[in-house]
Amino acid sequence: MTNDSEGGGMGIILSPVLKIANVACINLALLACAANNKVAQESTEIVLSANQGSNDVSVYRVNMKDGQLTAVEGSPFHTGAYPVSVAVSPDGRYAYVTNQGSDSITAYQIDDITGRLTELTGSPYGAGRHPVWVAIEPAGRYMYITNDESDTLTTFAIDPDSGTLQRRADTVSSGPYP
């Protein structure tokens, strides 16, 4: 992955969207998510890519036989300025994109059939200065954002029924450029 001004998305995530059980994420240069063995064989995989140069997020369906990617109808989907990373809720229903240039988080519902994104009511949500990385704890109740310009970590509570975010008052200081 590149981090350039021409849209080299740093945040890519692979997530099952049909009949999902639990999703486990591995934080590498690419965030790869795969459902455990409770997912139906016909499950559809999607890839989400934050596109910094075009201020949007692309969504692709994965052909599980050959790995080929095909854009989901309506993709790419608008984000805030300079999107950097993407996280998907453990239940696979919601996606969240950090927007470094607009100091915000864009939140989407993921259509469980098509993979199409619909922005949630109340989105985008204000974050700290220059939010970069986003992580969701395994139970899906809380989201953590690193803010590299303010050297802080911000916590959001996630509503399990709607995916909407509520910023917590417990933003904490971190080291430089977390």
Foldseek 3Di string as FASTA:
>chain_A
DDDDLQFPFQAKEKDWQAPADFWDWDDDSYIYIDGPPRRDPPIWIKMWTQGQNPQWIWIWIADVVPRDTDTFPPPTGHHAHRWHYKDAAGRRQKMWIQHQVVQWIWIWGQDSPRRDTDTAPPPTGHHDHRWHDWDAPRVRQKIWTQHQVQQWIWIWGADPVRRDTDTDPPIGHHDHRD
